[in-house]
Amino acid sequence: MGTCSMTTKMEQYILDNWKEYERTCKAECKAVAKHTGHKRNVWMQERNVYYGKPSKARQYPRDIKTEERCLRLVDLHNEGHSWQSIADIVGWRIQNVARVLKQRGYTEHVK
């Protein structure tokens, strides 16, 4: 085994048919964007900064209510409440409060 480039059959197939792979990935991104309002971004394998934000394709009442509940958590966090007190005020489990605030870039320590 003197070579360093050990590739699987699937990887080798992708390398051999690169143009087709590129075309199918971009087509999949467009198909996902048609239903969700944002591209899945499979081609670049990057985190999509617009994921979860309301767009014209996602203006459903349940999405708006969810966003309002999440913004209430952010407001309570900005007022200086700890995550446990926010969970007690809202009536959610602390894990759910932590998940929402971490997704929005907040840390547990306020000050």
PDB file of N, CA and C in Angstrom:
ATOM      1  N   MET A   1       0.839  -1.188   0.000  1.00  0.00           N
ATOM      2  CA  MET A   1       0.000   0.000   0.000  1.00  0.00           C
ATOM      3  C   MET A   1       0.881   1.247   0.000  1.00  0.00           C
ATOM      4  N   GLY A   2       1.585   1.514  -1.015  1.00  0.00           N
ATOM      5  CA  GLY A   2       2.505   2.618  -1.057  1.00  0.00           C
ATOM      6  C   GLY A   2       1.866   3.960  -1.357  1.00  0.00           C
ATOM      7  N   THR A   3       0.586   3.990  -1.712  1.00  0.00           N
ATOM      8  CA  THR A   3      -0.035   5.272  -2.063  1.00  0.00           C
ATOM      9  C   THR A   3      -0.785   5.843  -0.878  1.00  0.00           C
ATOM     10  N   CYS A   4      -0.830   7.140  -0.813  1.00  0.00           N
ATOM     11  CA  CYS A   4      -1.543   7.826   0.255  1.00  0.00           C
ATOM     12  C   CYS A   4      -2.995   8.090  -0.124  1.00  0.00           C
ATOM     13  N   SER A   5      -3.322   8.048  -1.387  1.00  0.00           N
ATOM     14  CA  SER A   5      -4.664   8.408  -1.827  1.00  0.00           C
ATOM     15  C   SER A   5      -5.554   7.167  -1.902  1.00  0.00           C
ATOM     16  N   MET A   6      -6.035   6.744  -0.765  1.00  0.00           N
ATOM     17  CA  MET A   6      -6.976   5.620  -0.710  1.00  0.00           C
ATOM     18  C   MET A   6      -8.385   6.213  -0.760  1.00  0.00           C
ATOM     19  N   THR A   7      -9.079   6.010  -1.852  1.00  0.00           N
ATOM     20  CA  THR A   7     -10.424   6.549  -1.986  1.00  0.00           C
ATOM     21  C   THR A   7     -11.418   5.407  -2.095  1.00  0.00           C
ATOM     22  N   THR A   8     -12.609   5.670  -1.614  1.00  0.00           N
ATOM     23  CA  THR A   8     -13.664   4.675  -1.735  1.00  0.00           C
ATOM     24  C   THR A   8     -14.215   4.709  -3.152  1.00  0.00           C
ATOM     25  N   LYS A   9     -15.042   3.736  -3.458  1.00  0.00           N
ATOM     26  CA  LYS A   9     -15.615   3.681  -4.800  1.00  0.00           C
ATOM     27  C   LYS A   9     -16.517   4.880  -5.059  1.00  0.00           C
ATOM     28  N   MET A  10     -17.252   5.296  -4.018  1.00  0.00           N
ATOM     29  CA  MET A  10     -18.141   6.443  -4.197  1.00  0.00           C
ATOM     30  C   MET A  10     -17.333   7.718  -4.435  1.00  0.00           C
ATOM     31  N   GLU A  11     -16.270   7.921  -3.659  1.00  0.00           N
ATOM     32  CA  GLU A  11     -15.429   9.102  -3.865  1.00  0.00           C
ATOM     33  C   GLU A  11     -14.810   9.101  -5.251  1.00  0.00           C
ATOM     34  N   GLN A  12     -14.369   7.928  -5.695  1.00  0.00           N
ATOM     35  CA  GLN A  12     -13.762   7.832  -7.020  1.00  0.00           C
ATOM     36  C   GLN A  12     -14.789   8.123  -8.112  1.00  0.00           C
ATOM     37  N   TYR A  13     -16.045   7.656  -7.906  1.00  0.00           N
ATOM     38  CA  TYR A  13     -17.103   7.932  -8.871  1.00  0.00           C
ATOM     39  C   TYR A  13     -17.387   9.430  -8.942  1.00  0.00           C
ATOM     40  N   ILE A  14     -17.409  10.090  -7.780  1.00  0.00           N
ATOM     41  CA  ILE A  14     -17.640  11.545  -7.756  1.00  0.00           C
ATOM     42  C   ILE A  14     -16.505  12.267  -8.476  1.00  0.00           C
ATOM     43  N   LEU A  15     -15.273  11.842  -8.233  1.00  0.00           N
ATOM     44  CA  LEU A  15     -14.135  12.487  -8.896  1.00  0.00           C
ATOM     45  C   LEU A  15     -14.168  12.270 -10.405  1.00  0.00           C
ATOM     46  N   ASP A  16     -14.583  11.085 -10.818  1.00  0.00           N
ATOM     47  CA  ASP A  16     -14.651  10.798 -12.248  1.00  0.00           C
ATOM     48  C   ASP A  16     -15.776  11.557 -12.940  1.00  0.00           C
ATOM     49  N   ASN A  17     -16.873  11.789 -12.214  1.00  0.00           N
ATOM     50  CA  ASN A  17     -18.050  12.462 -12.779  1.00  0.00           C
ATOM     51  C   ASN A  17     -18.301  13.785 -12.056  1.00  0.00           C
ATOM     52  N   TRP A  18     -17.281  14.606 -11.960  1.00  0.00           N
ATOM     53  CA  TRP A  18     -17.348  15.828 -11.177  1.00  0.00           C
ATOM     54  C   TRP A  18     -18.408  16.810 -11.678  1.00  0.00           C
ATOM     55  N   LYS A  19     -18.509  16.989 -12.970  1.00  0.00           N
ATOM     56  CA  LYS A  19     -19.474  17.944 -13.530  1.00  0.00           C
ATOM     57  C   LYS A  19     -20.908  17.536 -13.193  1.00  0.00           C
ATOM     58  N   GLU A  20     -21.184  16.254 -13.275  1.00  0.00           N
ATOM     59  CA  GLU A  20     -22.527  15.768 -12.945  1.00  0.00           C
ATOM     60  C   GLU A  20     -22.831  15.965 -11.463  1.00  0.00           C
ATOM     61  N   TYR A  21     -21.831  15.712 -10.597  1.00  0.00           N
ATOM     62  CA  TYR A  21     -22.000  15.902  -9.162  1.00  0.00           C
ATOM     63  C   TYR A  21     -22.275  17.367  -8.839  1.00  0.00           C
ATOM     64  N   GLU A  22     -21.537  18.253  -9.473  1.00  0.00           N
ATOM     65  CA  GLU A  22     -21.725  19.685  -9.265  1.00  0.00           C
ATOM     66  C   GLU A  22     -23.126  20.118  -9.695  1.00  0.00           C
ATOM     67  N   ARG A  23     -23.577  19.616 -10.836  1.00  0.00           N
ATOM     68  CA  ARG A  23     -24.899  19.966 -11.353  1.00  0.00           C
ATOM     69  C   ARG A  23     -26.012  19.464 -10.430  1.00  0.00           C
ATOM     70  N   THR A  24     -25.900  18.236  -9.937  1.00  0.00           N
ATOM     71  CA  THR A  24     -26.955  17.695  -9.080  1.00  0.00           C
ATOM     72  C   THR A  24     -27.001  18.403  -7.735  1.00  0.00           C
ATOM     73  N   CYS A  25     -25.853  18.785  -7.199  1.00  0.00           N
ATOM     74  CA  CYS A  25     -25.844  19.510  -5.917  1.00  0.00           C
ATOM     75  C   CYS A  25     -26.510  20.876  -6.054  1.00  0.00           C
ATOM     76  N   LYS A  26     -26.208  21.581  -7.123  1.00  0.00           N
ATOM     77  CA  LYS A  26     -26.817  22.898  -7.326  1.00  0.00           C
ATOM     78  C   LYS A  26     -28.313  22.781  -7.581  1.00  0.00           C
ATOM     79  N   ALA A  27     -28.733  21.738  -8.292  1.00  0.00           N
ATOM     80  CA  ALA A  27     -30.163  21.516  -8.533  1.00  0.00           C
ATOM     81  C   ALA A  27     -30.881  21.194  -7.234  1.00  0.00           C
ATOM     82  N   GLU A  28     -30.228  20.435  -6.364  1.00  0.00           N
ATOM     83  CA  GLU A  28     -30.826  20.112  -5.070  1.00  0.00           C
ATOM     84  C   GLU A  28     -30.979  21.358  -4.209  1.00  0.00           C
ATOM     85  N   CYS A  29     -30.000  22.246  -4.260  1.00  0.00           N
ATOM     86  CA  CYS A  29     -30.101  23.507  -3.514  1.00  0.00           C
ATOM     87  C   CYS A  29     -31.312  24.307  -3.982  1.00  0.00           C
ATOM     88  N   LYS A  30     -31.530  24.390  -5.281  1.00  0.00           N
ATOM     89  CA  LYS A  30     -32.676  25.133  -5.810  1.00  0.00           C
ATOM     90  C   LYS A  30     -33.986  24.484  -5.405  1.00  0.00           C
ATOM     91  N   ALA A  31     -34.031  23.154  -5.423  1.00  0.00           N
ATOM     92  CA  ALA A  31     -35.261  22.451  -5.051  1.00  0.00           C
ATOM     93  C   ALA A  31     -35.596  22.678  -3.581  1.00  0.00           C
ATOM     94  N   VAL A  32     -34.600  22.665  -2.729  1.00  0.00           N
ATOM     95  CA  VAL A  32     -34.825  22.914  -1.303  1.00  0.00           C
ATOM     96  C   VAL A  32     -35.262  24.352  -1.084  1.00  0.00           C
ATOM     97  N   ALA A  33     -34.659  25.289  -1.805  1.00  0.00           N
ATOM     98  CA  ALA A  33     -34.998  26.705  -1.655  1.00  0.00           C
ATOM     99  C   ALA A  33     -36.431  26.979  -2.085  1.00  0.00           C
ATOM    100  N   LYS A  34     -36.939  26.226  -3.028  1.00  0.00           N
ATOM    101  CA  LYS A  34     -38.308  26.422  -3.504  1.00  0.00           C
ATOM    102  C   LYS A  34     -39.315  26.151  -2.393  1.00  0.00           C
ATOM    103  N   HIS A  35     -39.006  25.205  -1.509  1.00  0.00           N
ATOM    104  CA  HIS A  35     -39.946  24.824  -0.457  1.00  0.00           C
ATOM    105  C   HIS A  35     -39.703  25.545   0.862  1.00  0.00           C
ATOM    106  N   THR A  36     -38.473  25.869   1.171  1.00  0.00           N
ATOM    107  CA  THR A  36     -38.169  26.430   2.491  1.00  0.00           C
ATOM    108  C   THR A  36     -37.873  27.916   2.468  1.00  0.00           C
ATOM    109  N   GLY A  37     -37.612  28.491   1.319  1.00  0.00           N
ATOM    110  CA  GLY A  37     -37.293  29.911   1.253  1.00  0.00           C
ATOM    111  C   GLY A  37     -35.825  30.209   1.413  1.00  0.00           C
ATOM    112  N   HIS A  38     -35.004  29.218   1.666  1.00  0.00           N
ATOM    113  CA  HIS A  38     -33.555  29.421   1.732  1.00  0.00           C
ATOM    114  C   HIS A  38     -32.881  28.179   1.199  1.00  0.00           C
ATOM    115  N   LYS A  39     -31.688  28.353   0.683  1.00  0.00           N
ATOM    116  CA  LYS A  39     -30.964  27.226   0.110  1.00  0.00           C
ATOM    117  C   LYS A  39     -30.344  26.389   1.226  1.00  0.00           C
ATOM    118  N   ARG A  40     -30.302  25.095   0.996  1.00  0.00           N
ATOM    119  CA  ARG A  40     -29.676  24.214   1.974  1.00  0.00           C
ATOM    120  C   ARG A  40     -28.169  24.351   1.941  1.00  0.00           C
ATOM    121  N   ASN A  41     -27.666  24.850   0.860  1.00  0.00           N
ATOM    122  CA  ASN A  41     -26.234  25.134   0.718  1.00  0.00           C
ATOM    123  C   ASN A  41     -25.393  23.868   0.797  1.00  0.00           C
ATOM    124  N   VAL A  42     -25.854  22.807   0.138  1.00  0.00           N
ATOM    125  CA  VAL A  42     -25.092  21.570   0.165  1.00  0.00           C
ATOM    126  C   VAL A  42     -23.816  21.690  -0.647  1.00  0.00           C
ATOM    127  N   TRP A  43     -23.820  22.574  -1.607  1.00  0.00           N
ATOM    128  CA  TRP A  43     -22.661  22.652  -2.483  1.00  0.00           C
ATOM    129  C   TRP A  43     -21.439  23.174  -1.738  1.00  0.00           C
ATOM    130  N   MET A  44     -21.611  24.193  -0.943  1.00  0.00           N
ATOM    131  CA  MET A  44     -20.474  24.794  -0.248  1.00  0.00           C
ATOM    132  C   MET A  44     -20.210  24.161   1.112  1.00  0.00           C
ATOM    133  N   GLN A  45     -21.156  23.378   1.637  1.00  0.00           N
ATOM    134  CA  GLN A  45     -21.023  22.753   2.953  1.00  0.00           C
ATOM    135  C   GLN A  45     -20.741  23.799   4.034  1.00  0.00           C
ATOM    136  N   GLU A  46     -21.483  24.900   3.986  1.00  0.00           N
ATOM    137  CA  GLU A  46     -21.327  25.953   4.974  1.00  0.00           C
ATOM    138  C   GLU A  46     -22.625  26.117   5.734  1.00  0.00           C
ATOM    139  N   ARG A  47     -22.548  26.718   6.901  1.00  0.00           N
ATOM    140  CA  ARG A  47     -23.743  27.018   7.659  1.00  0.00           C
ATOM    141  C   ARG A  47     -24.416  28.203   6.986  1.00  0.00           C
ATOM    142  N   ASN A  48     -25.713  28.081   6.741  1.00  0.00           N
ATOM    143  CA  ASN A  48     -26.445  29.157   6.088  1.00  0.00           C
ATOM    144  C   ASN A  48     -26.890  30.159   7.150  1.00  0.00           C
ATOM    145  N   VAL A  49     -26.437  31.409   7.045  1.00  0.00           N
ATOM    146  CA  VAL A  49     -26.739  32.410   8.058  1.00  0.00           C
ATOM    147  C   VAL A  49     -28.205  32.821   8.035  1.00  0.00           C
ATOM    148  N   TYR A  50     -28.911  32.551   6.940  1.00  0.00           N
ATOM    149  CA  TYR A  50     -30.303  32.927   6.842  1.00  0.00           C
ATOM    150  C   TYR A  50     -31.242  31.829   7.315  1.00  0.00           C
ATOM    151  N   TYR A  51     -30.702  30.677   7.760  1.00  0.00           N
ATOM    152  CA  TYR A  51     -31.546  29.562   8.169  1.00  0.00           C
ATOM    153  C   TYR A  51     -32.352  29.932   9.411  1.00  0.00           C
ATOM    154  N   GLY A  52     -33.631  29.676   9.368  1.00  0.00           N
ATOM    155  CA  GLY A  52     -34.490  29.928  10.520  1.00  0.00           C
ATOM    156  C   GLY A  52     -35.039  31.338  10.595  1.00  0.00           C
ATOM    157  N   LYS A  53     -34.583  32.230   9.730  1.00  0.00           N
ATOM    158  CA  LYS A  53     -35.097  33.588   9.740  1.00  0.00           C
ATOM    159  C   LYS A  53     -36.299  33.667   8.809  1.00  0.00           C
ATOM    160  N   PRO A  54     -37.333  34.401   9.178  1.00  0.00           N
ATOM    161  CA  PRO A  54     -38.522  34.446   8.329  1.00  0.00           C
ATOM    162  C   PRO A  54     -38.232  35.072   6.974  1.00  0.00           C
ATOM    163  N   SER A  55     -38.768  34.481   5.944  1.00  0.00           N
ATOM    164  CA  SER A  55     -38.653  35.021   4.600  1.00  0.00           C
ATOM    165  C   SER A  55     -40.047  35.017   3.987  1.00  0.00           C
ATOM    166  N   LYS A  56     -40.151  35.458   2.742  1.00  0.00           N
ATOM    167  CA  LYS A  56     -41.464  35.523   2.103  1.00  0.00           C
ATOM    168  C   LYS A  56     -42.092  34.131   1.986  1.00  0.00           C
ATOM    169  N   ALA A  57     -41.268  33.110   1.818  1.00  0.00           N
ATOM    170  CA  ALA A  57     -41.798  31.762   1.661  1.00  0.00           C
ATOM    171  C   ALA A  57     -42.184  31.138   2.998  1.00  0.00           C
ATOM    172  N   ARG A  58     -41.791  31.752   4.125  1.00  0.00           N
ATOM    173  CA  ARG A  58     -42.029  31.140   5.428  1.00  0.00           C
ATOM    174  C   ARG A  58     -42.808  32.069   6.355  1.00  0.00           C
ATOM    175  N   GLN A  59     -43.715  32.838   5.862  1.00  0.00           N
ATOM    176  CA  GLN A  59     -44.505  33.739   6.700  1.00  0.00           C
ATOM    177  C   GLN A  59     -45.767  33.041   7.205  1.00  0.00           C
ATOM    178  N   TYR A  60     -45.603  31.878   7.823  1.00  0.00           N
ATOM    179  CA  TYR A  60     -46.743  31.169   8.374  1.00  0.00           C
ATOM    180  C   TYR A  60     -46.991  31.642   9.798  1.00  0.00           C
ATOM    181  N   PRO A  61     -48.246  31.626  10.257  1.00  0.00           N
ATOM    182  CA  PRO A  61     -48.534  32.100  11.624  1.00  0.00           C
ATOM    183  C   PRO A  61     -47.750  31.354  12.703  1.00  0.00           C
ATOM    184  N   ARG A  62     -47.548  30.039  12.528  1.00  0.00           N
ATOM    185  CA  ARG A  62     -46.812  29.302  13.559  1.00  0.00           C
ATOM    186  C   ARG A  62     -45.349  29.727  13.609  1.00  0.00           C
ATOM    187  N   ASP A  63     -44.752  30.085  12.451  1.00  0.00           N
ATOM    188  CA  ASP A  63     -43.368  30.547  12.443  1.00  0.00           C
ATOM    189  C   ASP A  63     -43.249  31.915  13.108  1.00  0.00           C
ATOM    190  N   ILE A  64     -44.232  32.761  12.874  1.00  0.00           N
ATOM    191  CA  ILE A  64     -44.219  34.095  13.486  1.00  0.00           C
ATOM    192  C   ILE A  64     -44.374  33.981  14.992  1.00  0.00           C
ATOM    193  N   LYS A  65     -45.286  33.105  15.461  1.00  0.00           N
ATOM    194  CA  LYS A  65     -45.465  32.918  16.904  1.00  0.00           C
ATOM    195  C   LYS A  65     -44.220  32.338  17.554  1.00  0.00           C
ATOM    196  N   THR A  66     -43.585  31.396  16.880  1.00  0.00           N
ATOM    197  CA  THR A  66     -42.352  30.811  17.414  1.00  0.00           C
ATOM    198  C   THR A  66     -41.273  31.873  17.533  1.00  0.00           C
ATOM    199  N   GLU A  67     -41.144  32.696  16.521  1.00  0.00           N
ATOM    200  CA  GLU A  67     -40.130  33.757  16.556  1.00  0.00           C
ATOM    201  C   GLU A  67     -40.431  34.758  17.671  1.00  0.00           C
ATOM    202  N   GLU A  68     -41.713  35.076  17.899  1.00  0.00           N
ATOM    203  CA  GLU A  68     -42.070  35.995  18.981  1.00  0.00           C
ATOM    204  C   GLU A  68     -41.723  35.404  20.346  1.00  0.00           C
ATOM    205  N   ARG A  69     -41.968  34.084  20.524  1.00  0.00           N
ATOM    206  CA  ARG A  69     -41.611  33.435  21.795  1.00  0.00           C
ATOM    207  C   ARG A  69     -40.102  33.455  22.006  1.00  0.00           C
ATOM    208  N   CYS A  70     -39.346  33.224  20.939  1.00  0.00           N
ATOM    209  CA  CYS A  70     -37.889  33.229  21.049  1.00  0.00           C
ATOM    210  C   CYS A  70     -37.361  34.633  21.344  1.00  0.00           C
ATOM    211  N   LEU A  71     -37.969  35.645  20.738  1.00  0.00           N
ATOM    212  CA  LEU A  71     -37.548  37.023  21.013  1.00  0.00           C
ATOM    213  C   LEU A  71     -37.854  37.417  22.456  1.00  0.00           C
ATOM    214  N   ARG A  72     -38.931  36.852  23.029  1.00  0.00           N
ATOM    215  CA  ARG A  72     -39.240  37.119  24.444  1.00  0.00           C
ATOM    216  C   ARG A  72     -38.134  36.550  25.333  1.00  0.00           C
ATOM    217  N   LEU A  73     -37.625  35.370  24.991  1.00  0.00           N
ATOM    218  CA  LEU A  73     -36.514  34.801  25.754  1.00  0.00           C
ATOM    219  C   LEU A  73     -35.277  35.684  25.666  1.00  0.00           C
ATOM    220  N   VAL A  74     -35.007  36.206  24.477  1.00  0.00           N
ATOM    221  CA  VAL A  74     -33.851  37.081  24.289  1.00  0.00           C
ATOM    222  C   VAL A  74     -34.018  38.362  25.110  1.00  0.00           C
ATOM    223  N   ASP A  75     -35.242  38.921  25.125  1.00  0.00           N
ATOM    224  CA  ASP A  75     -35.485  40.131  25.910  1.00  0.00           C
ATOM    225  C   ASP A  75     -35.275  39.873  27.404  1.00  0.00           C
ATOM    226  N   LEU A  76     -35.779  38.742  27.899  1.00  0.00           N
ATOM    227  CA  LEU A  76     -35.573  38.405  29.313  1.00  0.00           C
ATOM    228  C   LEU A  76     -34.090  38.218  29.616  1.00  0.00           C
ATOM    229  N   HIS A  77     -33.363  37.629  28.683  1.00  0.00           N
ATOM    230  CA  HIS A  77     -31.922  37.445  28.879  1.00  0.00           C
ATOM    231  C   HIS A  77     -31.204  38.794  28.917  1.00  0.00           C
ATOM    232  N   ASN A  78     -31.616  39.704  28.051  1.00  0.00           N
ATOM    233  CA  ASN A  78     -30.984  41.029  28.015  1.00  0.00           C
ATOM    234  C   ASN A  78     -31.323  41.853  29.256  1.00  0.00           C
ATOM    235  N   GLU A  79     -32.456  41.550  29.905  1.00  0.00           N
ATOM    236  CA  GLU A  79     -32.796  42.245  31.151  1.00  0.00           C
ATOM    237  C   GLU A  79     -31.933  41.787  32.310  1.00  0.00           C
ATOM    238  N   GLY A  80     -31.227  40.660  32.156  1.00  0.00           N
ATOM    239  CA  GLY A  80     -30.314  40.209  33.194  1.00  0.00           C
ATOM    240  C   GLY A  80     -30.758  38.967  33.930  1.00  0.00           C
ATOM    241  N   HIS A  81     -31.819  38.317  33.477  1.00  0.00           N
ATOM    242  CA  HIS A  81     -32.272  37.093  34.131  1.00  0.00           C
ATOM    243  C   HIS A  81     -31.342  35.937  33.779  1.00  0.00           C
ATOM    244  N   SER A  82     -31.180  35.014  34.739  1.00  0.00           N
ATOM    245  CA  SER A  82     -30.410  33.796  34.433  1.00  0.00           C
ATOM    246  C   SER A  82     -31.277  32.862  33.606  1.00  0.00           C
ATOM    247  N   TRP A  83     -30.630  31.867  33.006  1.00  0.00           N
ATOM    248  CA  TRP A  83     -31.380  30.948  32.151  1.00  0.00           C
ATOM    249  C   TRP A  83     -32.400  30.152  32.951  1.00  0.00           C
ATOM    250  N   GLN A  84     -32.069  29.822  34.212  1.00  0.00           N
ATOM    251  CA  GLN A  84     -33.015  29.083  35.051  1.00  0.00           C
ATOM    252  C   GLN A  84     -34.234  29.937  35.383  1.00  0.00           C
ATOM    253  N   SER A  85     -34.012  31.219  35.677  1.00  0.00           N
ATOM    254  CA  SER A  85     -35.154  32.090  35.982  1.00  0.00           C
ATOM    255  C   SER A  85     -35.999  32.341  34.728  1.00  0.00           C
ATOM    256  N   ILE A  86     -35.372  32.406  33.567  1.00  0.00           N
ATOM    257  CA  ILE A  86     -36.136  32.547  32.319  1.00  0.00           C
ATOM    258  C   ILE A  86     -37.000  31.316  32.105  1.00  0.00           C
ATOM    259  N   ALA A  87     -36.440  30.137  32.360  1.00  0.00           N
ATOM    260  CA  ALA A  87     -37.209  28.899  32.213  1.00  0.00           C
ATOM    261  C   ALA A  87     -38.382  28.875  33.174  1.00  0.00           C
ATOM    262  N   ASP A  88     -38.189  29.384  34.395  1.00  0.00           N
ATOM    263  CA  ASP A  88     -39.286  29.435  35.371  1.00  0.00           C
ATOM    264  C   ASP A  88     -40.358  30.431  34.956  1.00  0.00           C
ATOM    265  N   ILE A  89     -39.950  31.566  34.427  1.00  0.00           N
ATOM    266  CA  ILE A  89     -40.909  32.598  34.014  1.00  0.00           C
ATOM    267  C   ILE A  89     -41.753  32.115  32.843  1.00  0.00           C
ATOM    268  N   VAL A  90     -41.091  31.543  31.842  1.00  0.00           N
ATOM    269  CA  VAL A  90     -41.774  31.146  30.619  1.00  0.00           C
ATOM    270  C   VAL A  90     -42.503  29.812  30.790  1.00  0.00           C
ATOM    271  N   GLY A  91     -41.967  28.948  31.640  1.00  0.00           N
ATOM    272  CA  GLY A  91     -42.563  27.640  31.839  1.00  0.00           C
ATOM    273  C   GLY A  91     -41.997  26.578  30.923  1.00  0.00           C
ATOM    274  N   TRP A  92     -40.798  26.807  30.401  1.00  0.00           N
ATOM    275  CA  TRP A  92     -40.132  25.843  29.535  1.00  0.00           C
ATOM    276  C   TRP A  92     -39.066  25.109  30.338  1.00  0.00           C
ATOM    277  N   ARG A  93     -38.575  23.996  29.773  1.00  0.00           N
ATOM    278  CA  ARG A  93     -37.419  23.328  30.350  1.00  0.00           C
ATOM    279  C   ARG A  93     -36.184  24.168  30.063  1.00  0.00           C
ATOM    280  N   ILE A  94     -35.222  24.126  30.987  1.00  0.00           N
ATOM    281  CA  ILE A  94     -34.027  24.954  30.825  1.00  0.00           C
ATOM    282  C   ILE A  94     -33.234  24.543  29.587  1.00  0.00           C
ATOM    283  N   GLN A  95     -33.323  23.260  29.185  1.00  0.00           N
ATOM    284  CA  GLN A  95     -32.603  22.815  27.993  1.00  0.00           C
ATOM    285  C   GLN A  95     -33.130  23.525  26.747  1.00  0.00           C
ATOM    286  N   ASN A  96     -34.441  23.746  26.690  1.00  0.00           N
ATOM    287  CA  ASN A  96     -35.023  24.427  25.531  1.00  0.00           C
ATOM    288  C   ASN A  96     -34.641  25.899  25.513  1.00  0.00           C
ATOM    289  N   VAL A  97     -34.635  26.507  26.693  1.00  0.00           N
ATOM    290  CA  VAL A  97     -34.209  27.913  26.779  1.00  0.00           C
ATOM    291  C   VAL A  97     -32.749  28.036  26.353  1.00  0.00           C
ATOM    292  N   ALA A  98     -31.916  27.125  26.830  1.00  0.00           N
ATOM    293  CA  ALA A  98     -30.491  27.166  26.479  1.00  0.00           C
ATOM    294  C   ALA A  98     -30.296  26.961  24.981  1.00  0.00           C
ATOM    295  N   ARG A  99     -31.049  26.045  24.381  1.00  0.00           N
ATOM    296  CA  ARG A  99     -30.914  25.785  22.942  1.00  0.00           C
ATOM    297  C   ARG A  99     -31.254  27.023  22.132  1.00  0.00           C
ATOM    298  N   VAL A 100     -32.361  27.688  22.482  1.00  0.00           N
ATOM    299  CA  VAL A 100     -32.791  28.870  21.734  1.00  0.00           C
ATOM    300  C   VAL A 100     -31.769  29.995  21.869  1.00  0.00           C
ATOM    301  N   LEU A 101     -31.288  30.231  23.084  1.00  0.00           N
ATOM    302  CA  LEU A 101     -30.345  31.329  23.288  1.00  0.00           C
ATOM    303  C   LEU A 101     -28.974  31.027  22.678  1.00  0.00           C
ATOM    304  N   LYS A 102     -28.534  29.765  22.729  1.00  0.00           N
ATOM    305  CA  LYS A 102     -27.252  29.418  22.113  1.00  0.00           C
ATOM    306  C   LYS A 102     -27.319  29.551  20.601  1.00  0.00           C
ATOM    307  N   GLN A 103     -28.472  29.202  20.005  1.00  0.00           N
ATOM    308  CA  GLN A 103     -28.615  29.352  18.556  1.00  0.00           C
ATOM    309  C   GLN A 103     -28.517  30.805  18.137  1.00  0.00           C
ATOM    310  N   ARG A 104     -28.904  31.693  19.014  1.00  0.00           N
ATOM    311  CA  ARG A 104     -28.844  33.120  18.707  1.00  0.00           C
ATOM    312  C   ARG A 104     -27.542  33.769  19.155  1.00  0.00           C
ATOM    313  N   GLY A 105     -26.608  32.979  19.672  1.00  0.00           N
ATOM    314  CA  GLY A 105     -25.272  33.477  19.967  1.00  0.00           C
ATOM    315  C   GLY A 105     -25.073  34.024  21.359  1.00  0.00           C
ATOM    316  N   TYR A 106     -25.954  33.693  22.297  1.00  0.00           N
ATOM    317  CA  TYR A 106     -25.808  34.189  23.670  1.00  0.00           C
ATOM    318  C   TYR A 106     -25.130  33.147  24.546  1.00  0.00           C
ATOM    319  N   THR A 107     -24.401  33.631  25.543  1.00  0.00           N
ATOM    320  CA  THR A 107     -23.791  32.732  26.538  1.00  0.00           C
ATOM    321  C   THR A 107     -24.584  32.839  27.824  1.00  0.00           C
ATOM    322  N   GLU A 108     -24.330  31.894  28.720  1.00  0.00           N
ATOM    323  CA  GLU A 108     -25.127  31.842  29.956  1.00  0.00           C
ATOM    324  C   GLU A 108     -24.827  33.001  30.894  1.00  0.00           C
ATOM    325  N   HIS A 109     -23.597  33.466  30.898  1.00  0.00           N
ATOM    326  CA  HIS A 109     -23.213  34.536  31.811  1.00  0.00           C
ATOM    327  C   HIS A 109     -23.606  35.889  31.213  1.00  0.00           C
ATOM    328  N   VAL A 110     -24.483  36.590  31.904  1.00  0.00           N
ATOM    329  CA  VAL A 110     -25.015  37.831  31.389  1.00  0.00           C
ATOM    330  C   VAL A 110     -24.011  38.962  31.499  1.00  0.00           C
ATOM    331  N   LYS A 111     -23.473  39.158  32.670  1.00  0.00           N
ATOM    332  CA  LYS A 111     -22.577  40.298  32.906  1.00  0.00           C
ATOM    333  C   LYS A 111     -21.132  39.897  32.751  1.00  0.00           C
TER     334      LYS A 111
END
